[in-house]
């Protein structure tokens, strides 16, 4: 990973999943993690209280697996952001 901006908390991932219309529940996000549908790593090894961290690319791949148009949406958002700089 390049930097900490590539990692999202469960709460941050939830906001992206809400925007994509996949879920409104943090419990569901944690379920996806426990079922290994959404790759995540503990912030501190062997300490679940530290919370999970999710790579942004893993989250995008997870969303893309449920919404086929998602990769195009992400590409367009990146282009928009580049134009505003």
PDB file of N, CA and C in Angstrom:
ATOM      1  N   UNK A   1       0.813  -1.166   0.000  1.00  0.00           N
ATOM      2  CA  UNK A   1       0.000   0.000   0.000  1.00  0.00           C
ATOM      3  C   UNK A   1       0.870   1.247   0.000  1.00  0.00           C
ATOM      4  N   UNK A   2       0.400   2.244  -0.704  1.00  0.00           N
ATOM      5  CA  UNK A   2       1.179   3.461  -0.826  1.00  0.00           C
ATOM      6  C   UNK A   2       1.119   4.304   0.434  1.00  0.00           C
ATOM      7  N   UNK A   3      -0.090   4.519   0.962  1.00  0.00           N
ATOM      8  CA  UNK A   3      -0.232   5.330   2.163  1.00  0.00           C
ATOM      9  C   UNK A   3      -1.525   4.986   2.880  1.00  0.00           C
ATOM     10  N   UNK A   4      -1.721   5.638   4.013  1.00  0.00           N
ATOM     11  CA  UNK A   4      -2.899   5.325   4.811  1.00  0.00           C
ATOM     12  C   UNK A   4      -4.197   5.737   4.127  1.00  0.00           C
ATOM     13  N   UNK A   5      -4.137   6.603   3.104  1.00  0.00           N
ATOM     14  CA  UNK A   5      -5.346   6.990   2.390  1.00  0.00           C
ATOM     15  C   UNK A   5      -5.927   5.819   1.599  1.00  0.00           C
ATOM     16  N   UNK A   6      -5.126   4.806   1.353  1.00  0.00           N
ATOM     17  CA  UNK A   6      -5.605   3.625   0.636  1.00  0.00           C
ATOM     18  C   UNK A   6      -6.432   2.718   1.531  1.00  0.00           C
ATOM     19  N   UNK A   7      -6.443   2.977   2.840  1.00  0.00           N
ATOM     20  CA  UNK A   7      -7.171   2.141   3.790  1.00  0.00           C
ATOM     21  C   UNK A   7      -8.403   2.863   4.306  1.00  0.00           C
ATOM     22  N   UNK A   8      -9.493   2.114   4.402  1.00  0.00           N
ATOM     23  CA  UNK A   8     -10.745   2.668   4.898  1.00  0.00           C
ATOM     24  C   UNK A   8     -11.171   1.932   6.159  1.00  0.00           C
ATOM     25  N   UNK A   9     -11.821   2.635   7.061  1.00  0.00           N
ATOM     26  CA  UNK A   9     -12.429   1.981   8.214  1.00  0.00           C
ATOM     27  C   UNK A   9     -13.731   1.328   7.746  1.00  0.00           C
ATOM     28  N   UNK A  10     -14.328   0.541   8.611  1.00  0.00           N
ATOM     29  CA  UNK A  10     -15.605  -0.088   8.278  1.00  0.00           C
ATOM     30  C   UNK A  10     -16.665   0.990   8.050  1.00  0.00           C
ATOM     31  N   UNK A  11     -16.631   2.039   8.870  1.00  0.00           N
ATOM     32  CA  UNK A  11     -17.598   3.122   8.729  1.00  0.00           C
ATOM     33  C   UNK A  11     -17.440   3.852   7.391  1.00  0.00           C
ATOM     34  N   UNK A  12     -16.188   4.081   6.989  1.00  0.00           N
ATOM     35  CA  UNK A  12     -15.945   4.736   5.701  1.00  0.00           C
ATOM     36  C   UNK A  12     -16.391   3.837   4.543  1.00  0.00           C
ATOM     37  N   UNK A  13     -16.118   2.543   4.663  1.00  0.00           N
ATOM     38  CA  UNK A  13     -16.550   1.599   3.636  1.00  0.00           C
ATOM     39  C   UNK A  13     -18.078   1.588   3.537  1.00  0.00           C
ATOM     40  N   UNK A  14     -18.734   1.663   4.689  1.00  0.00           N
ATOM     41  CA  UNK A  14     -20.194   1.687   4.702  1.00  0.00           C
ATOM     42  C   UNK A  14     -20.732   2.874   3.911  1.00  0.00           C
ATOM     43  N   UNK A  15     -20.104   4.029   4.041  1.00  0.00           N
ATOM     44  CA  UNK A  15     -20.605   5.191   3.306  1.00  0.00           C
ATOM     45  C   UNK A  15     -20.523   4.961   1.793  1.00  0.00           C
ATOM     46  N   UNK A  16     -19.477   4.282   1.333  1.00  0.00           N
ATOM     47  CA  UNK A  16     -19.359   3.958  -0.094  1.00  0.00           C
ATOM     48  C   UNK A  16     -20.405   2.913  -0.498  1.00  0.00           C
ATOM     49  N   UNK A  17     -20.647   1.951   0.373  1.00  0.00           N
ATOM     50  CA  UNK A  17     -21.636   0.914   0.075  1.00  0.00           C
ATOM     51  C   UNK A  17     -23.053   1.494   0.071  1.00  0.00           C
ATOM     52  N   UNK A  18     -23.294   2.467   0.939  1.00  0.00           N
ATOM     53  CA  UNK A  18     -24.595   3.146   0.925  1.00  0.00           C
ATOM     54  C   UNK A  18     -24.784   3.883  -0.395  1.00  0.00           C
ATOM     55  N   UNK A  19     -23.743   4.594  -0.825  1.00  0.00           N
ATOM     56  CA  UNK A  19     -23.827   5.352  -2.078  1.00  0.00           C
ATOM     57  C   UNK A  19     -24.067   4.434  -3.265  1.00  0.00           C
ATOM     58  N   UNK A  20     -23.518   3.228  -3.192  1.00  0.00           N
ATOM     59  CA  UNK A  20     -23.688   2.264  -4.279  1.00  0.00           C
ATOM     60  C   UNK A  20     -25.021   1.520  -4.173  1.00  0.00           C
ATOM     61  N   UNK A  21     -25.731   1.730  -3.063  1.00  0.00           N
ATOM     62  CA  UNK A  21     -27.021   1.071  -2.877  1.00  0.00           C
ATOM     63  C   UNK A  21     -26.916  -0.389  -2.502  1.00  0.00           C
ATOM     64  N   UNK A  22     -25.796  -0.787  -1.900  1.00  0.00           N
ATOM     65  CA  UNK A  22     -25.599  -2.192  -1.549  1.00  0.00           C
ATOM     66  C   UNK A  22     -26.127  -2.504  -0.160  1.00  0.00           C
ATOM     67  N   UNK A  23     -25.850  -1.654   0.811  1.00  0.00           N
ATOM     68  CA  UNK A  23     -26.348  -1.882   2.168  1.00  0.00           C
ATOM     69  C   UNK A  23     -26.406  -0.572   2.927  1.00  0.00           C
ATOM     70  N   UNK A  24     -27.237  -0.543   3.941  1.00  0.00           N
ATOM     71  CA  UNK A  24     -27.362   0.607   4.831  1.00  0.00           C
ATOM     72  C   UNK A  24     -26.883   0.254   6.239  1.00  0.00           C
ATOM     73  N   UNK A  25     -26.413  -0.975   6.421  1.00  0.00           N
ATOM     74  CA  UNK A  25     -26.133  -1.492   7.757  1.00  0.00           C
ATOM     75  C   UNK A  25     -24.655  -1.817   7.972  1.00  0.00           C
ATOM     76  N   UNK A  26     -24.111  -1.313   9.067  1.00  0.00           N
ATOM     77  CA  UNK A  26     -22.731  -1.632   9.408  1.00  0.00           C
ATOM     78  C   UNK A  26     -22.602  -3.112   9.782  1.00  0.00           C
ATOM     79  N   UNK A  27     -23.674  -3.683  10.316  1.00  0.00           N
ATOM     80  CA  UNK A  27     -23.658  -5.116  10.640  1.00  0.00           C
ATOM     81  C   UNK A  27     -23.471  -5.952   9.383  1.00  0.00           C
ATOM     82  N   UNK A  28     -24.073  -5.514   8.293  1.00  0.00           N
ATOM     83  CA  UNK A  28     -23.934  -6.234   7.033  1.00  0.00           C
ATOM     84  C   UNK A  28     -22.504  -6.140   6.517  1.00  0.00           C
ATOM     85  N   UNK A  29     -21.877  -4.977   6.668  1.00  0.00           N
ATOM     86  CA  UNK A  29     -20.482  -4.822   6.237  1.00  0.00           C
ATOM     87  C   UNK A  29     -19.606  -5.783   7.031  1.00  0.00           C
ATOM     88  N   UNK A  30     -19.818  -5.834   8.338  1.00  0.00           N
ATOM     89  CA  UNK A  30     -19.030  -6.752   9.176  1.00  0.00           C
ATOM     90  C   UNK A  30     -19.303  -8.210   8.804  1.00  0.00           C
ATOM     91  N   UNK A  31     -20.536  -8.514   8.428  1.00  0.00           N
ATOM     92  CA  UNK A  31     -20.873  -9.859   7.961  1.00  0.00           C
ATOM     93  C   UNK A  31     -20.072 -10.201   6.701  1.00  0.00           C
ATOM     94  N   UNK A  32     -20.022  -9.274   5.740  1.00  0.00           N
ATOM     95  CA  UNK A  32     -19.246  -9.499   4.520  1.00  0.00           C
ATOM     96  C   UNK A  32     -17.773  -9.764   4.853  1.00  0.00           C
ATOM     97  N   UNK A  33     -17.257  -9.042   5.841  1.00  0.00           N
ATOM     98  CA  UNK A  33     -15.860  -9.244   6.248  1.00  0.00           C
ATOM     99  C   UNK A  33     -15.683 -10.616   6.879  1.00  0.00           C
ATOM    100  N   UNK A  34     -16.554 -10.983   7.811  1.00  0.00           N
ATOM    101  CA  UNK A  34     -16.440 -12.293   8.478  1.00  0.00           C
ATOM    102  C   UNK A  34     -16.577 -13.452   7.494  1.00  0.00           C
ATOM    103  N   UNK A  35     -17.417 -13.264   6.475  1.00  0.00           N
ATOM    104  CA  UNK A  35     -17.634 -14.311   5.475  1.00  0.00           C
ATOM    105  C   UNK A  35     -16.564 -14.296   4.390  1.00  0.00           C
ATOM    106  N   UNK A  36     -15.593 -13.374   4.529  1.00  0.00           N
ATOM    107  CA  UNK A  36     -14.473 -13.229   3.593  1.00  0.00           C
ATOM    108  C   UNK A  36     -14.933 -12.831   2.190  1.00  0.00           C
ATOM    109  N   UNK A  37     -16.103 -12.209   2.114  1.00  0.00           N
ATOM    110  CA  UNK A  37     -16.577 -11.666   0.843  1.00  0.00           C
ATOM    111  C   UNK A  37     -15.924 -10.318   0.565  1.00  0.00           C
ATOM    112  N   UNK A  38     -15.615  -9.594   1.657  1.00  0.00           N
ATOM    113  CA  UNK A  38     -14.953  -8.299   1.562  1.00  0.00           C
ATOM    114  C   UNK A  38     -13.629  -8.408   2.320  1.00  0.00           C
ATOM    115  N   UNK A  39     -12.509  -8.421   1.612  1.00  0.00           N
ATOM    116  CA  UNK A  39     -11.213  -8.551   2.286  1.00  0.00           C
ATOM    117  C   UNK A  39     -10.953  -7.375   3.229  1.00  0.00           C
ATOM    118  N   UNK A  40     -10.504  -7.695   4.437  1.00  0.00           N
ATOM    119  CA  UNK A  40     -10.178  -6.660   5.426  1.00  0.00           C
ATOM    120  C   UNK A  40      -9.112  -7.213   6.363  1.00  0.00           C
ATOM    121  N   UNK A  41      -8.392  -6.299   6.980  1.00  0.00           N
ATOM    122  CA  UNK A  41      -7.324  -6.679   7.910  1.00  0.00           C
ATOM    123  C   UNK A  41      -7.505  -5.893   9.198  1.00  0.00           C
ATOM    124  N   UNK A  42      -7.137  -6.503  10.298  1.00  0.00           N
ATOM    125  CA  UNK A  42      -7.197  -5.804  11.573  1.00  0.00           C
ATOM    126  C   UNK A  42      -6.159  -4.687  11.597  1.00  0.00           C
ATOM    127  N   UNK A  43      -6.528  -3.559  12.175  1.00  0.00           N
ATOM    128  CA  UNK A  43      -5.598  -2.437  12.278  1.00  0.00           C
ATOM    129  C   UNK A  43      -4.389  -2.840  13.127  1.00  0.00           C
ATOM    130  N   UNK A  44      -4.651  -3.599  14.189  1.00  0.00           N
ATOM    131  CA  UNK A  44      -3.575  -4.159  15.023  1.00  0.00           C
ATOM    132  C   UNK A  44      -3.771  -5.670  15.016  1.00  0.00           C
ATOM    133  N   UNK A  45      -2.771  -6.418  14.586  1.00  0.00           N
ATOM    134  CA  UNK A  45      -2.911  -7.878  14.526  1.00  0.00           C
ATOM    135  C   UNK A  45      -3.391  -8.473  15.857  1.00  0.00           C
ATOM    136  N   UNK A  46      -4.285  -9.421  15.770  1.00  0.00           N
ATOM    137  CA  UNK A  46      -4.828 -10.150  16.920  1.00  0.00           C
ATOM    138  C   UNK A  46      -5.595  -9.266  17.899  1.00  0.00           C
ATOM    139  N   UNK A  47      -6.086  -8.117  17.452  1.00  0.00           N
ATOM    140  CA  UNK A  47      -6.852  -7.227  18.321  1.00  0.00           C
ATOM    141  C   UNK A  47      -8.076  -6.727  17.564  1.00  0.00           C
ATOM    142  N   UNK A  48      -9.187  -7.467  17.677  1.00  0.00           N
ATOM    143  CA  UNK A  48     -10.398  -7.096  16.944  1.00  0.00           C
ATOM    144  C   UNK A  48     -10.952  -5.752  17.388  1.00  0.00           C
ATOM    145  N   UNK A  49     -10.619  -5.338  18.616  1.00  0.00           N
ATOM    146  CA  UNK A  49     -11.102  -4.041  19.097  1.00  0.00           C
ATOM    147  C   UNK A  49     -10.486  -2.882  18.329  1.00  0.00           C
ATOM    148  N   UNK A  50      -9.349  -3.131  17.680  1.00  0.00           N
ATOM    149  CA  UNK A  50      -8.694  -2.065  16.916  1.00  0.00           C
ATOM    150  C   UNK A  50      -9.447  -1.740  15.635  1.00  0.00           C
ATOM    151  N   UNK A  51     -10.335  -2.622  15.241  1.00  0.00           N
ATOM    152  CA  UNK A  51     -11.133  -2.397  14.041  1.00  0.00           C
ATOM    153  C   UNK A  51     -10.461  -2.909  12.777  1.00  0.00           C
ATOM    154  N   UNK A  52     -11.267  -3.061  11.766  1.00  0.00           N
ATOM    155  CA  UNK A  52     -10.773  -3.539  10.485  1.00  0.00           C
ATOM    156  C   UNK A  52     -10.405  -2.371   9.587  1.00  0.00           C
ATOM    157  N   UNK A  53      -9.483  -2.633   8.660  1.00  0.00           N
ATOM    158  CA  UNK A  53      -9.133  -1.682   7.620  1.00  0.00           C
ATOM    159  C   UNK A  53      -9.321  -2.392   6.275  1.00  0.00           C
ATOM    160  N   UNK A  54      -9.864  -1.665   5.337  1.00  0.00           N
ATOM    161  CA  UNK A  54     -10.209  -2.224   4.032  1.00  0.00           C
ATOM    162  C   UNK A  54      -9.476  -1.422   2.961  1.00  0.00           C
ATOM    163  N   UNK A  55      -8.787  -2.116   2.081  1.00  0.00           N
ATOM    164  CA  UNK A  55      -8.119  -1.437   0.968  1.00  0.00           C
ATOM    165  C   UNK A  55      -9.189  -0.879   0.033  1.00  0.00           C
ATOM    166  N   UNK A  56      -8.948   0.330  -0.432  1.00  0.00           N
ATOM    167  CA  UNK A  56      -9.920   0.968  -1.326  1.00  0.00           C
ATOM    168  C   UNK A  56     -10.133   0.123  -2.585  1.00  0.00           C
ATOM    169  N   UNK A  57      -9.052  -0.472  -3.106  1.00  0.00           N
ATOM    170  CA  UNK A  57      -9.189  -1.297  -4.315  1.00  0.00           C
ATOM    171  C   UNK A  57     -10.034  -2.540  -4.037  1.00  0.00           C
ATOM    172  N   UNK A  58      -9.894  -3.118  -2.834  1.00  0.00           N
ATOM    173  CA  UNK A  58     -10.714  -4.276  -2.475  1.00  0.00           C
ATOM    174  C   UNK A  58     -12.187  -3.888  -2.388  1.00  0.00           C
ATOM    175  N   UNK A  59     -12.448  -2.706  -1.830  1.00  0.00           N
ATOM    176  CA  UNK A  59     -13.830  -2.242  -1.738  1.00  0.00           C
ATOM    177  C   UNK A  59     -14.404  -2.001  -3.137  1.00  0.00           C
ATOM    178  N   UNK A  60     -13.627  -1.366  -4.004  1.00  0.00           N
ATOM    179  CA  UNK A  60     -14.098  -1.135  -5.373  1.00  0.00           C
ATOM    180  C   UNK A  60     -14.373  -2.449  -6.096  1.00  0.00           C
ATOM    181  N   UNK A  61     -13.502  -3.439  -5.902  1.00  0.00           N
ATOM    182  CA  UNK A  61     -13.722  -4.752  -6.527  1.00  0.00           C
ATOM    183  C   UNK A  61     -14.973  -5.425  -5.971  1.00  0.00           C
ATOM    184  N   UNK A  62     -15.185  -5.291  -4.671  1.00  0.00           N
ATOM    185  CA  UNK A  62     -16.378  -5.864  -4.036  1.00  0.00           C
ATOM    186  C   UNK A  62     -17.641  -5.234  -4.620  1.00  0.00           C
ATOM    187  N   UNK A  63     -17.639  -3.903  -4.727  1.00  0.00           N
ATOM    188  CA  UNK A  63     -18.801  -3.212  -5.287  1.00  0.00           C
ATOM    189  C   UNK A  63     -18.992  -3.602  -6.753  1.00  0.00           C
ATOM    190  N   UNK A  64     -17.906  -3.679  -7.493  1.00  0.00           N
ATOM    191  CA  UNK A  64     -17.991  -4.039  -8.917  1.00  0.00           C
ATOM    192  C   UNK A  64     -18.570  -5.430  -9.113  1.00  0.00           C
ATOM    193  N   UNK A  65     -18.314  -6.326  -8.164  1.00  0.00           N
ATOM    194  CA  UNK A  65     -18.851  -7.682  -8.290  1.00  0.00           C
ATOM    195  C   UNK A  65     -20.366  -7.697  -8.113  1.00  0.00           C
ATOM    196  N   UNK A  66     -20.910  -6.651  -7.488  1.00  0.00           N
ATOM    197  CA  UNK A  66     -22.347  -6.570  -7.260  1.00  0.00           C
ATOM    198  C   UNK A  66     -23.037  -5.579  -8.197  1.00  0.00           C
ATOM    199  N   UNK A  67     -22.256  -4.632  -8.713  1.00  0.00           N
ATOM    200  CA  UNK A  67     -22.798  -3.633  -9.632  1.00  0.00           C
ATOM    201  C   UNK A  67     -21.855  -3.558 -10.835  1.00  0.00           C
ATOM    202  N   UNK A  68     -22.185  -4.194 -11.927  1.00  0.00           N
ATOM    203  CA  UNK A  68     -21.276  -4.262 -13.080  1.00  0.00           C
ATOM    204  C   UNK A  68     -20.828  -2.909 -13.621  1.00  0.00           C
ATOM    205  N   UNK A  69     -21.615  -1.861 -13.458  1.00  0.00           N
ATOM    206  CA  UNK A  69     -21.263  -0.551 -13.998  1.00  0.00           C
ATOM    207  C   UNK A  69     -20.280   0.199 -13.088  1.00  0.00           C
ATOM    208  N   UNK A  70     -19.992  -0.295 -11.900  1.00  0.00           N
ATOM    209  CA  UNK A  70     -19.172   0.411 -10.924  1.00  0.00           C
ATOM    210  C   UNK A  70     -17.788   0.821 -11.439  1.00  0.00           C
ATOM    211  N   UNK A  71     -17.036  -0.043 -12.117  1.00  0.00           N
ATOM    212  CA  UNK A  71     -15.708   0.394 -12.591  1.00  0.00           C
ATOM    213  C   UNK A  71     -15.775   1.639 -13.469  1.00  0.00           C
ATOM    214  N   UNK A  72     -16.776   1.734 -14.300  1.00  0.00           N
ATOM    215  CA  UNK A  72     -16.932   2.923 -15.154  1.00  0.00           C
ATOM    216  C   UNK A  72     -17.257   4.155 -14.302  1.00  0.00           C
ATOM    217  N   UNK A  73     -18.081   3.986 -13.289  1.00  0.00           N
ATOM    218  CA  UNK A  73     -18.416   5.079 -12.383  1.00  0.00           C
ATOM    219  C   UNK A  73     -17.162   5.599 -11.676  1.00  0.00           C
ATOM    220  N   UNK A  74     -16.328   4.695 -11.171  1.00  0.00           N
ATOM    221  CA  UNK A  74     -15.090   5.077 -10.483  1.00  0.00           C
ATOM    222  C   UNK A  74     -14.163   5.810 -11.449  1.00  0.00           C
ATOM    223  N   UNK A  75     -14.052   5.318 -12.668  1.00  0.00           N
ATOM    224  CA  UNK A  75     -13.199   5.963 -13.666  1.00  0.00           C
ATOM    225  C   UNK A  75     -13.670   7.390 -13.948  1.00  0.00           C
ATOM    226  N   UNK A  76     -14.973   7.567 -14.095  1.00  0.00           N
ATOM    227  CA  UNK A  76     -15.509   8.899 -14.363  1.00  0.00           C
ATOM    228  C   UNK A  76     -15.300   9.849 -13.191  1.00  0.00           C
ATOM    229  N   UNK A  77     -15.444   9.352 -11.967  1.00  0.00           N
ATOM    230  CA  UNK A  77     -15.215  10.180 -10.784  1.00  0.00           C
ATOM    231  C   UNK A  77     -13.757  10.637 -10.718  1.00  0.00           C
ATOM    232  N   UNK A  78     -12.824   9.749 -11.072  1.00  0.00           N
ATOM    233  CA  UNK A  78     -11.408  10.111 -11.070  1.00  0.00           C
ATOM    234  C   UNK A  78     -11.138  11.187 -12.120  1.00  0.00           C
ATOM    235  N   UNK A  79     -11.749  11.057 -13.283  1.00  0.00           N
ATOM    236  CA  UNK A  79     -11.579  12.063 -14.329  1.00  0.00           C
ATOM    237  C   UNK A  79     -12.126  13.420 -13.879  1.00  0.00           C
ATOM    238  N   UNK A  80     -13.279  13.403 -13.220  1.00  0.00           N
ATOM    239  CA  UNK A  80     -13.857  14.647 -12.711  1.00  0.00           C
ATOM    240  C   UNK A  80     -12.939  15.304 -11.689  1.00  0.00           C
ATOM    241  N   UNK A  81     -12.371  14.492 -10.803  1.00  0.00           N
ATOM    242  CA  UNK A  81     -11.476  15.019  -9.765  1.00  0.00           C
ATOM    243  C   UNK A  81     -10.220  15.620 -10.386  1.00  0.00           C
ATOM    244  N   UNK A  82      -9.702  14.987 -11.414  1.00  0.00           N
ATOM    245  CA  UNK A  82      -8.503  15.499 -12.087  1.00  0.00           C
ATOM    246  C   UNK A  82      -8.779  16.832 -12.765  1.00  0.00           C
ATOM    247  N   UNK A  83      -9.954  17.006 -13.299  1.00  0.00           N
ATOM    248  CA  UNK A  83     -10.307  18.253 -13.988  1.00  0.00           C
ATOM    249  C   UNK A  83     -10.448  19.413 -13.005  1.00  0.00           C
ATOM    250  N   UNK A  84     -10.810  19.104 -11.767  1.00  0.00           N
ATOM    251  CA  UNK A  84     -11.010  20.159 -10.767  1.00  0.00           C
ATOM    252  C   UNK A  84      -9.705  20.623 -10.138  1.00  0.00           C
ATOM    253  N   UNK A  85      -8.640  19.884 -10.347  1.00  0.00           N
ATOM    254  CA  UNK A  85      -7.342  20.241  -9.735  1.00  0.00           C
ATOM    255  C   UNK A  85      -6.686  21.363 -10.481  1.00  0.00           C
TER     256      UNK A  85
END
